Amino acid sequence: MREEKVIPLEEAIRKLSALPCENLGIAKRGKLQPGYFADIVLFDPNTIADHATFENPHQDATGMQHAFVNGVQVLEDGEPTKRKPQGGL
């Protein structure tokens, strides 16, 4: 998305968050909205990159700074926290 400039960043984020939740009927996820689960990812749009391949699917992405699932920080300064969120799906 960044290199080819096919769609704006905001649209790419929607296609990776709200749209799948809507299509799959997953309630209260995919948007930052009151009453929704607190799932938030903070990333650097200039450096974020996925390194997973079919041969090596468990490669970490770069550019991810912080992630929260159900309000629990599971990624801090790019490193997993090993904390486990409760509830959800």
PDB file of N, CA and C in Angstrom:
ATOM      1  N   MET A   1       0.822  -1.178   0.000  1.00  0.00           N
ATOM      2  CA  MET A   1       0.000   0.000   0.000  1.00  0.00           C
ATOM      3  C   MET A   1       0.871   1.247   0.000  1.00  0.00           C
ATOM      4  N   ARG A   2       1.900   1.230   0.833  1.00  0.00           N
ATOM      5  CA  ARG A   2       2.761   2.401   0.953  1.00  0.00           C
ATOM      6  C   ARG A   2       3.537   2.645  -0.331  1.00  0.00           C
ATOM      7  N   GLU A   3       4.139   1.605  -0.887  1.00  0.00           N
ATOM      8  CA  GLU A   3       4.979   1.775  -2.069  1.00  0.00           C
ATOM      9  C   GLU A   3       4.157   2.036  -3.328  1.00  0.00           C
ATOM     10  N   GLU A   4       3.068   1.300  -3.491  1.00  0.00           N
ATOM     11  CA  GLU A   4       2.292   1.393  -4.723  1.00  0.00           C
ATOM     12  C   GLU A   4       1.243   2.495  -4.690  1.00  0.00           C
ATOM     13  N   LYS A   5       0.938   3.026  -3.495  1.00  0.00           N
ATOM     14  CA  LYS A   5      -0.023   4.120  -3.334  1.00  0.00           C
ATOM     15  C   LYS A   5      -1.355   3.831  -4.039  1.00  0.00           C
ATOM     16  N   VAL A   6      -1.846   2.593  -3.871  1.00  0.00           N
ATOM     17  CA  VAL A   6      -3.090   2.181  -4.513  1.00  0.00           C
ATOM     18  C   VAL A   6      -4.306   2.743  -3.775  1.00  0.00           C
ATOM     19  N   ILE A   7      -4.240   2.717  -2.432  1.00  0.00           N
ATOM     20  CA  ILE A   7      -5.322   3.261  -1.611  1.00  0.00           C
ATOM     21  C   ILE A   7      -4.711   4.064  -0.472  1.00  0.00           C
ATOM     22  N   PRO A   8      -5.464   4.991   0.090  1.00  0.00           N
ATOM     23  CA  PRO A   8      -4.953   5.766   1.227  1.00  0.00           C
ATOM     24  C   PRO A   8      -4.767   4.885   2.465  1.00  0.00           C
ATOM     25  N   LEU A   9      -3.905   5.300   3.369  1.00  0.00           N
ATOM     26  CA  LEU A   9      -3.628   4.563   4.597  1.00  0.00           C
ATOM     27  C   LEU A   9      -4.905   4.298   5.390  1.00  0.00           C
ATOM     28  N   GLU A  10      -5.772   5.294   5.496  1.00  0.00           N
ATOM     29  CA  GLU A  10      -7.007   5.129   6.263  1.00  0.00           C
ATOM     30  C   GLU A  10      -7.874   4.002   5.693  1.00  0.00           C
ATOM     31  N   GLU A  11      -7.935   3.885   4.380  1.00  0.00           N
ATOM     32  CA  GLU A  11      -8.724   2.830   3.749  1.00  0.00           C
ATOM     33  C   GLU A  11      -8.082   1.463   3.973  1.00  0.00           C
ATOM     34  N   ALA A  12      -6.759   1.395   3.935  1.00  0.00           N
ATOM     35  CA  ALA A  12      -6.066   0.141   4.204  1.00  0.00           C
ATOM     36  C   ALA A  12      -6.343  -0.316   5.634  1.00  0.00           C
ATOM     37  N   ILE A  13      -6.319   0.603   6.581  1.00  0.00           N
ATOM     38  CA  ILE A  13      -6.603   0.265   7.979  1.00  0.00           C
ATOM     39  C   ILE A  13      -8.035  -0.242   8.115  1.00  0.00           C
ATOM     40  N   ARG A  14      -8.989   0.412   7.468  1.00  0.00           N
ATOM     41  CA  ARG A  14     -10.387  -0.039   7.523  1.00  0.00           C
ATOM     42  C   ARG A  14     -10.532  -1.444   6.952  1.00  0.00           C
ATOM     43  N   LYS A  15      -9.830  -1.724   5.858  1.00  0.00           N
ATOM     44  CA  LYS A  15      -9.919  -3.046   5.226  1.00  0.00           C
ATOM     45  C   LYS A  15      -9.282  -4.144   6.076  1.00  0.00           C
ATOM     46  N   LEU A  16      -8.423  -3.758   7.015  1.00  0.00           N
ATOM     47  CA  LEU A  16      -7.782  -4.736   7.896  1.00  0.00           C
ATOM     48  C   LEU A  16      -8.409  -4.785   9.282  1.00  0.00           C
ATOM     49  N   SER A  17      -9.381  -3.917   9.543  1.00  0.00           N
ATOM     50  CA  SER A  17      -9.969  -3.882  10.887  1.00  0.00           C
ATOM     51  C   SER A  17     -11.491  -3.949  10.828  1.00  0.00           C
ATOM     52  N   ALA A  18     -12.145  -2.858  10.522  1.00  0.00           N
ATOM     53  CA  ALA A  18     -13.608  -2.803  10.559  1.00  0.00           C
ATOM     54  C   ALA A  18     -14.263  -3.697   9.516  1.00  0.00           C
ATOM     55  N   LEU A  19     -13.769  -3.703   8.307  1.00  0.00           N
ATOM     56  CA  LEU A  19     -14.410  -4.464   7.227  1.00  0.00           C
ATOM     57  C   LEU A  19     -14.473  -5.967   7.502  1.00  0.00           C
ATOM     58  N   PRO A  20     -13.367  -6.617   7.913  1.00  0.00           N
ATOM     59  CA  PRO A  20     -13.476  -8.051   8.214  1.00  0.00           C
ATOM     60  C   PRO A  20     -14.463  -8.342   9.352  1.00  0.00           C
ATOM     61  N   CYS A  21     -14.487  -7.492  10.371  1.00  0.00           N
ATOM     62  CA  CYS A  21     -15.428  -7.694  11.473  1.00  0.00           C
ATOM     63  C   CYS A  21     -16.866  -7.575  10.982  1.00  0.00           C
ATOM     64  N   GLU A  22     -17.121  -6.605  10.125  1.00  0.00           N
ATOM     65  CA  GLU A  22     -18.465  -6.449   9.561  1.00  0.00           C
ATOM     66  C   GLU A  22     -18.828  -7.658   8.703  1.00  0.00           C
ATOM     67  N   ASN A  23     -17.931  -8.083   7.840  1.00  0.00           N
ATOM     68  CA  ASN A  23     -18.196  -9.203   6.933  1.00  0.00           C
ATOM     69  C   ASN A  23     -18.410 -10.516   7.675  1.00  0.00           C
ATOM     70  N   LEU A  24     -17.700 -10.700   8.783  1.00  0.00           N
ATOM     71  CA  LEU A  24     -17.795 -11.943   9.549  1.00  0.00           C
ATOM     72  C   LEU A  24     -18.816 -11.876  10.682  1.00  0.00           C
ATOM     73  N   GLY A  25     -19.444 -10.727  10.849  1.00  0.00           N
ATOM     74  CA  GLY A  25     -20.445 -10.575  11.898  1.00  0.00           C
ATOM     75  C   GLY A  25     -19.859 -10.564  13.297  1.00  0.00           C
ATOM     76  N   ILE A  26     -18.621 -10.090  13.433  1.00  0.00           N
ATOM     77  CA  ILE A  26     -17.977 -10.025  14.743  1.00  0.00           C
ATOM     78  C   ILE A  26     -18.374  -8.701  15.395  1.00  0.00           C
ATOM     79  N   ALA A  27     -19.148  -8.790  16.442  1.00  0.00           N
ATOM     80  CA  ALA A  27     -19.688  -7.592  17.091  1.00  0.00           C
ATOM     81  C   ALA A  27     -18.658  -6.913  17.985  1.00  0.00           C
ATOM     82  N   LYS A  28     -18.772  -5.591  18.063  1.00  0.00           N
ATOM     83  CA  LYS A  28     -18.002  -4.757  18.986  1.00  0.00           C
ATOM     84  C   LYS A  28     -16.489  -4.858  18.795  1.00  0.00           C
ATOM     85  N   ARG A  29     -16.057  -5.039  17.554  1.00  0.00           N
ATOM     86  CA  ARG A  29     -14.623  -5.061  17.242  1.00  0.00           C
ATOM     87  C   ARG A  29     -14.404  -4.356  15.910  1.00  0.00           C
ATOM     88  N   GLY A  30     -13.180  -3.895  15.710  1.00  0.00           N
ATOM     89  CA  GLY A  30     -12.802  -3.329  14.425  1.00  0.00           C
ATOM     90  C   GLY A  30     -12.896  -1.823  14.330  1.00  0.00           C
ATOM     91  N   LYS A  31     -13.459  -1.196  15.344  1.00  0.00           N
ATOM     92  CA  LYS A  31     -13.587   0.268  15.350  1.00  0.00           C
ATOM     93  C   LYS A  31     -13.238   0.797  16.737  1.00  0.00           C
ATOM     94  N   LEU A  32     -12.782   2.043  16.780  1.00  0.00           N
ATOM     95  CA  LEU A  32     -12.596   2.737  18.062  1.00  0.00           C
ATOM     96  C   LEU A  32     -13.903   3.464  18.345  1.00  0.00           C
ATOM     97  N   GLN A  33     -14.706   2.843  19.198  1.00  0.00           N
ATOM     98  CA  GLN A  33     -16.045   3.346  19.434  1.00  0.00           C
ATOM     99  C   GLN A  33     -16.467   2.967  20.852  1.00  0.00           C
ATOM    100  N   PRO A  34     -17.197   3.838  21.560  1.00  0.00           N
ATOM    101  CA  PRO A  34     -17.650   3.490  22.902  1.00  0.00           C
ATOM    102  C   PRO A  34     -18.412   2.161  22.904  1.00  0.00           C
ATOM    103  N   GLY A  35     -18.118   1.320  23.900  1.00  0.00           N
ATOM    104  CA  GLY A  35     -18.769   0.034  24.033  1.00  0.00           C
ATOM    105  C   GLY A  35     -18.075  -1.093  23.280  1.00  0.00           C
ATOM    106  N   TYR A  36     -17.103  -0.764  22.441  1.00  0.00           N
ATOM    107  CA  TYR A  36     -16.366  -1.784  21.701  1.00  0.00           C
ATOM    108  C   TYR A  36     -15.182  -2.259  22.534  1.00  0.00           C
ATOM    109  N   PHE A  37     -14.671  -3.458  22.199  1.00  0.00           N
ATOM    110  CA  PHE A  37     -13.479  -3.957  22.878  1.00  0.00           C
ATOM    111  C   PHE A  37     -12.302  -3.038  22.558  1.00  0.00           C
ATOM    112  N   ALA A  38     -11.401  -2.881  23.511  1.00  0.00           N
ATOM    113  CA  ALA A  38     -10.260  -1.979  23.345  1.00  0.00           C
ATOM    114  C   ALA A  38      -9.114  -2.706  22.640  1.00  0.00           C
ATOM    115  N   ASP A  39      -9.262  -2.891  21.326  1.00  0.00           N
ATOM    116  CA  ASP A  39      -8.207  -3.473  20.502  1.00  0.00           C
ATOM    117  C   ASP A  39      -7.575  -2.337  19.711  1.00  0.00           C
ATOM    118  N   ILE A  40      -6.316  -2.035  20.021  1.00  0.00           N
ATOM    119  CA  ILE A  40      -5.646  -0.882  19.401  1.00  0.00           C
ATOM    120  C   ILE A  40      -4.219  -1.268  19.051  1.00  0.00           C
ATOM    121  N   VAL A  41      -3.772  -0.842  17.877  1.00  0.00           N
ATOM    122  CA  VAL A  41      -2.389  -1.058  17.454  1.00  0.00           C
ATOM    123  C   VAL A  41      -1.788   0.286  17.088  1.00  0.00           C
ATOM    124  N   LEU A  42      -0.601   0.566  17.620  1.00  0.00           N
ATOM    125  CA  LEU A  42       0.137   1.768  17.251  1.00  0.00           C
ATOM    126  C   LEU A  42       1.340   1.335  16.433  1.00  0.00           C
ATOM    127  N   PHE A  43       1.490   1.930  15.251  1.00  0.00           N
ATOM    128  CA  PHE A  43       2.569   1.538  14.361  1.00  0.00           C
ATOM    129  C   PHE A  43       3.131   2.755  13.646  1.00  0.00           C
ATOM    130  N   ASP A  44       4.318   2.591  13.112  1.00  0.00           N
ATOM    131  CA  ASP A  44       4.964   3.633  12.326  1.00  0.00           C
ATOM    132  C   ASP A  44       4.615   3.373  10.864  1.00  0.00           C
ATOM    133  N   PRO A  45       3.814   4.231  10.239  1.00  0.00           N
ATOM    134  CA  PRO A  45       3.400   3.979   8.856  1.00  0.00           C
ATOM    135  C   PRO A  45       4.562   3.995   7.859  1.00  0.00           C
ATOM    136  N   ASN A  46       5.689   4.570   8.251  1.00  0.00           N
ATOM    137  CA  ASN A  46       6.845   4.620   7.347  1.00  0.00           C
ATOM    138  C   ASN A  46       7.700   3.362   7.394  1.00  0.00           C
ATOM    139  N   THR A  47       7.570   2.578   8.469  1.00  0.00           N
ATOM    140  CA  THR A  47       8.445   1.406   8.589  1.00  0.00           C
ATOM    141  C   THR A  47       7.704   0.086   8.738  1.00  0.00           C
ATOM    142  N   ILE A  48       6.379   0.128   8.871  1.00  0.00           N
ATOM    143  CA  ILE A  48       5.656  -1.127   9.071  1.00  0.00           C
ATOM    144  C   ILE A  48       5.819  -2.022   7.843  1.00  0.00           C
ATOM    145  N   ALA A  49       6.110  -3.289   8.111  1.00  0.00           N
ATOM    146  CA  ALA A  49       6.296  -4.253   7.024  1.00  0.00           C
ATOM    147  C   ALA A  49       6.044  -5.657   7.549  1.00  0.00           C
ATOM    148  N   ASP A  50       5.376  -6.457   6.737  1.00  0.00           N
ATOM    149  CA  ASP A  50       5.120  -7.861   7.058  1.00  0.00           C
ATOM    150  C   ASP A  50       6.230  -8.686   6.434  1.00  0.00           C
ATOM    151  N   HIS A  51       6.790  -9.607   7.195  1.00  0.00           N
ATOM    152  CA  HIS A  51       7.892 -10.436   6.689  1.00  0.00           C
ATOM    153  C   HIS A  51       7.500 -11.906   6.560  1.00  0.00           C
ATOM    154  N   ALA A  52       6.252 -12.247   6.888  1.00  0.00           N
ATOM    155  CA  ALA A  52       5.802 -13.630   6.801  1.00  0.00           C
ATOM    156  C   ALA A  52       5.693 -14.060   5.341  1.00  0.00           C
ATOM    157  N   THR A  53       6.029 -15.301   5.094  1.00  0.00           N
ATOM    158  CA  THR A  53       5.902 -15.912   3.767  1.00  0.00           C
ATOM    159  C   THR A  53       5.205 -17.256   3.934  1.00  0.00           C
ATOM    160  N   PHE A  54       4.857 -17.895   2.833  1.00  0.00           N
ATOM    161  CA  PHE A  54       4.264 -19.232   2.933  1.00  0.00           C
ATOM    162  C   PHE A  54       5.274 -20.210   3.528  1.00  0.00           C
ATOM    163  N   GLU A  55       6.542 -20.038   3.211  1.00  0.00           N
ATOM    164  CA  GLU A  55       7.578 -20.922   3.732  1.00  0.00           C
ATOM    165  C   GLU A  55       7.880 -20.646   5.202  1.00  0.00           C
ATOM    166  N   ASN A  56       7.818 -19.384   5.622  1.00  0.00           N
ATOM    167  CA  ASN A  56       8.099 -18.964   6.997  1.00  0.00           C
ATOM    168  C   ASN A  56       6.969 -18.057   7.497  1.00  0.00           C
ATOM    169  N   PRO A  57       5.818 -18.630   7.836  1.00  0.00           N
ATOM    170  CA  PRO A  57       4.657 -17.810   8.186  1.00  0.00           C
ATOM    171  C   PRO A  57       4.725 -17.121   9.545  1.00  0.00           C
ATOM    172  N   HIS A  58       5.628 -17.528  10.417  1.00  0.00           N
ATOM    173  CA  HIS A  58       5.668 -16.975  11.776  1.00  0.00           C
ATOM    174  C   HIS A  58       6.769 -15.931  11.947  1.00  0.00           C
ATOM    175  N   GLN A  59       6.906 -15.056  10.978  1.00  0.00           N
ATOM    176  CA  GLN A  59       7.880 -13.972  11.050  1.00  0.00           C
ATOM    177  C   GLN A  59       7.189 -12.726  11.595  1.00  0.00           C
ATOM    178  N   ASP A  60       7.824 -12.052  12.528  1.00  0.00           N
ATOM    179  CA  ASP A  60       7.240 -10.839  13.097  1.00  0.00           C
ATOM    180  C   ASP A  60       7.300  -9.689  12.107  1.00  0.00           C
ATOM    181  N   ALA A  61       6.291  -8.857  12.165  1.00  0.00           N
ATOM    182  CA  ALA A  61       6.281  -7.628  11.375  1.00  0.00           C
ATOM    183  C   ALA A  61       7.201  -6.605  12.040  1.00  0.00           C
ATOM    184  N   THR A  62       7.717  -5.674  11.274  1.00  0.00           N
ATOM    185  CA  THR A  62       8.485  -4.568  11.834  1.00  0.00           C
ATOM    186  C   THR A  62       7.632  -3.305  11.763  1.00  0.00           C
ATOM    187  N   GLY A  63       7.966  -2.336  12.592  1.00  0.00           N
ATOM    188  CA  GLY A  63       7.240  -1.078  12.613  1.00  0.00           C
ATOM    189  C   GLY A  63       6.090  -1.056  13.599  1.00  0.00           C
ATOM    190  N   MET A  64       5.795  -2.196  14.214  1.00  0.00           N
ATOM    191  CA  MET A  64       4.740  -2.269  15.228  1.00  0.00           C
ATOM    192  C   MET A  64       5.342  -1.786  16.550  1.00  0.00           C
ATOM    193  N   GLN A  65       4.699  -0.821  17.181  1.00  0.00           N
ATOM    194  CA  GLN A  65       5.212  -0.263  18.434  1.00  0.00           C
ATOM    195  C   GLN A  65       4.488  -0.831  19.653  1.00  0.00           C
ATOM    196  N   HIS A  66       3.160  -0.715  19.653  1.00  0.00           N
ATOM    197  CA  HIS A  66       2.360  -1.129  20.803  1.00  0.00           C
ATOM    198  C   HIS A  66       1.061  -1.752  20.297  1.00  0.00           C
ATOM    199  N   ALA A  67       0.555  -2.744  21.035  1.00  0.00           N
ATOM    200  CA  ALA A  67      -0.734  -3.349  20.713  1.00  0.00           C
ATOM    201  C   ALA A  67      -1.467  -3.681  21.995  1.00  0.00           C
ATOM    202  N   PHE A  68      -2.768  -3.421  21.975  1.00  0.00           N
ATOM    203  CA  PHE A  68      -3.651  -3.706  23.102  1.00  0.00           C
ATOM    204  C   PHE A  68      -4.793  -4.578  22.605  1.00  0.00           C
ATOM    205  N   VAL A  69      -5.090  -5.654  23.327  1.00  0.00           N
ATOM    206  CA  VAL A  69      -6.218  -6.531  23.015  1.00  0.00           C
ATOM    207  C   VAL A  69      -7.100  -6.570  24.256  1.00  0.00           C
ATOM    208  N   ASN A  70      -8.360  -6.188  24.087  1.00  0.00           N
ATOM    209  CA  ASN A  70      -9.286  -6.073  25.226  1.00  0.00           C
ATOM    210  C   ASN A  70      -8.701  -5.162  26.307  1.00  0.00           C
ATOM    211  N   GLY A  71      -7.944  -4.173  25.916  1.00  0.00           N
ATOM    212  CA  GLY A  71      -7.362  -3.224  26.860  1.00  0.00           C
ATOM    213  C   GLY A  71      -6.074  -3.672  27.520  1.00  0.00           C
ATOM    214  N   VAL A  72      -5.601  -4.863  27.204  1.00  0.00           N
ATOM    215  CA  VAL A  72      -4.373  -5.400  27.794  1.00  0.00           C
ATOM    216  C   VAL A  72      -3.225  -5.224  26.796  1.00  0.00           C
ATOM    217  N   GLN A  73      -2.135  -4.611  27.244  1.00  0.00           N
ATOM    218  CA  GLN A  73      -1.000  -4.402  26.347  1.00  0.00           C
ATOM    219  C   GLN A  73      -0.285  -5.727  26.092  1.00  0.00           C
ATOM    220  N   VAL A  74      -0.303  -6.152  24.826  1.00  0.00           N
ATOM    221  CA  VAL A  74       0.332  -7.413  24.441  1.00  0.00           C
ATOM    222  C   VAL A  74       1.620  -7.192  23.650  1.00  0.00           C
ATOM    223  N   LEU A  75       1.865  -5.941  23.236  1.00  0.00           N
ATOM    224  CA  LEU A  75       3.104  -5.566  22.551  1.00  0.00           C
ATOM    225  C   LEU A  75       3.537  -4.213  23.093  1.00  0.00           C
ATOM    226  N   GLU A  76       4.774  -4.123  23.569  1.00  0.00           N
ATOM    227  CA  GLU A  76       5.290  -2.878  24.137  1.00  0.00           C
ATOM    228  C   GLU A  76       6.659  -2.600  23.539  1.00  0.00           C
ATOM    229  N   ASP A  77       6.796  -1.443  22.919  1.00  0.00           N
ATOM    230  CA  ASP A  77       8.043  -1.063  22.247  1.00  0.00           C
ATOM    231  C   ASP A  77       8.503  -2.153  21.277  1.00  0.00           C
ATOM    232  N   GLY A  78       7.538  -2.759  20.573  1.00  0.00           N
ATOM    233  CA  GLY A  78       7.855  -3.757  19.568  1.00  0.00           C
ATOM    234  C   GLY A  78       8.098  -5.160  20.074  1.00  0.00           C
ATOM    235  N   GLU A  79       7.973  -5.377  21.387  1.00  0.00           N
ATOM    236  CA  GLU A  79       8.245  -6.694  21.973  1.00  0.00           C
ATOM    237  C   GLU A  79       6.997  -7.250  22.650  1.00  0.00           C
ATOM    238  N   PRO A  80       6.737  -8.559  22.518  1.00  0.00           N
ATOM    239  CA  PRO A  80       5.594  -9.163  23.202  1.00  0.00           C
ATOM    240  C   PRO A  80       5.722  -9.025  24.718  1.00  0.00           C
ATOM    241  N   THR A  81       4.598  -8.764  25.385  1.00  0.00           N
ATOM    242  CA  THR A  81       4.609  -8.607  26.839  1.00  0.00           C
ATOM    243  C   THR A  81       4.307  -9.921  27.555  1.00  0.00           C
ATOM    244  N   LYS A  82       3.767 -10.907  26.874  1.00  0.00           N
ATOM    245  CA  LYS A  82       3.335 -12.198  27.422  1.00  0.00           C
ATOM    246  C   LYS A  82       2.106 -12.068  28.315  1.00  0.00           C
ATOM    247  N   ARG A  83       1.480 -10.876  28.326  1.00  0.00           N
ATOM    248  CA  ARG A  83       0.226 -10.709  29.049  1.00  0.00           C
ATOM    249  C   ARG A  83      -0.908 -11.310  28.226  1.00  0.00           C
ATOM    250  N   LYS A  84      -1.913 -11.856  28.876  1.00  0.00           N
ATOM    251  CA  LYS A  84      -3.022 -12.517  28.213  1.00  0.00           C
ATOM    252  C   LYS A  84      -4.322 -11.754  28.460  1.00  0.00           C
ATOM    253  N   PRO A  85      -4.960 -11.251  27.409  1.00  0.00           N
ATOM    254  CA  PRO A  85      -6.247 -10.577  27.595  1.00  0.00           C
ATOM    255  C   PRO A  85      -7.350 -11.575  27.936  1.00  0.00           C
ATOM    256  N   GLN A  86      -8.370 -11.094  28.622  1.00  0.00           N
ATOM    257  CA  GLN A  86      -9.518 -11.924  29.011  1.00  0.00           C
ATOM    258  C   GLN A  86     -10.716 -11.570  28.139  1.00  0.00           C
ATOM    259  N   GLY A  87     -11.682 -12.483  28.054  1.00  0.00           N
ATOM    260  CA  GLY A  87     -12.939 -12.220  27.364  1.00  0.00           C
ATOM    261  C   GLY A  87     -12.761 -12.116  25.864  1.00  0.00           C
ATOM    262  N   GLY A  88     -13.731 -11.482  25.220  1.00  0.00           N
ATOM    263  CA  GLY A  88     -13.656 -11.274  23.778  1.00  0.00           C
ATOM    264  C   GLY A  88     -14.532 -12.224  23.007  1.00  0.00           C
ATOM    265  N   LEU A  89     -13.994 -12.726  21.906  1.00  0.00           N
ATOM    266  CA  LEU A  89     -14.762 -13.574  21.008  1.00  0.00           C
ATOM    267  C   LEU A  89     -15.186 -14.809  21.737  1.00  0.00           C
TER     268      LEU A  89
END
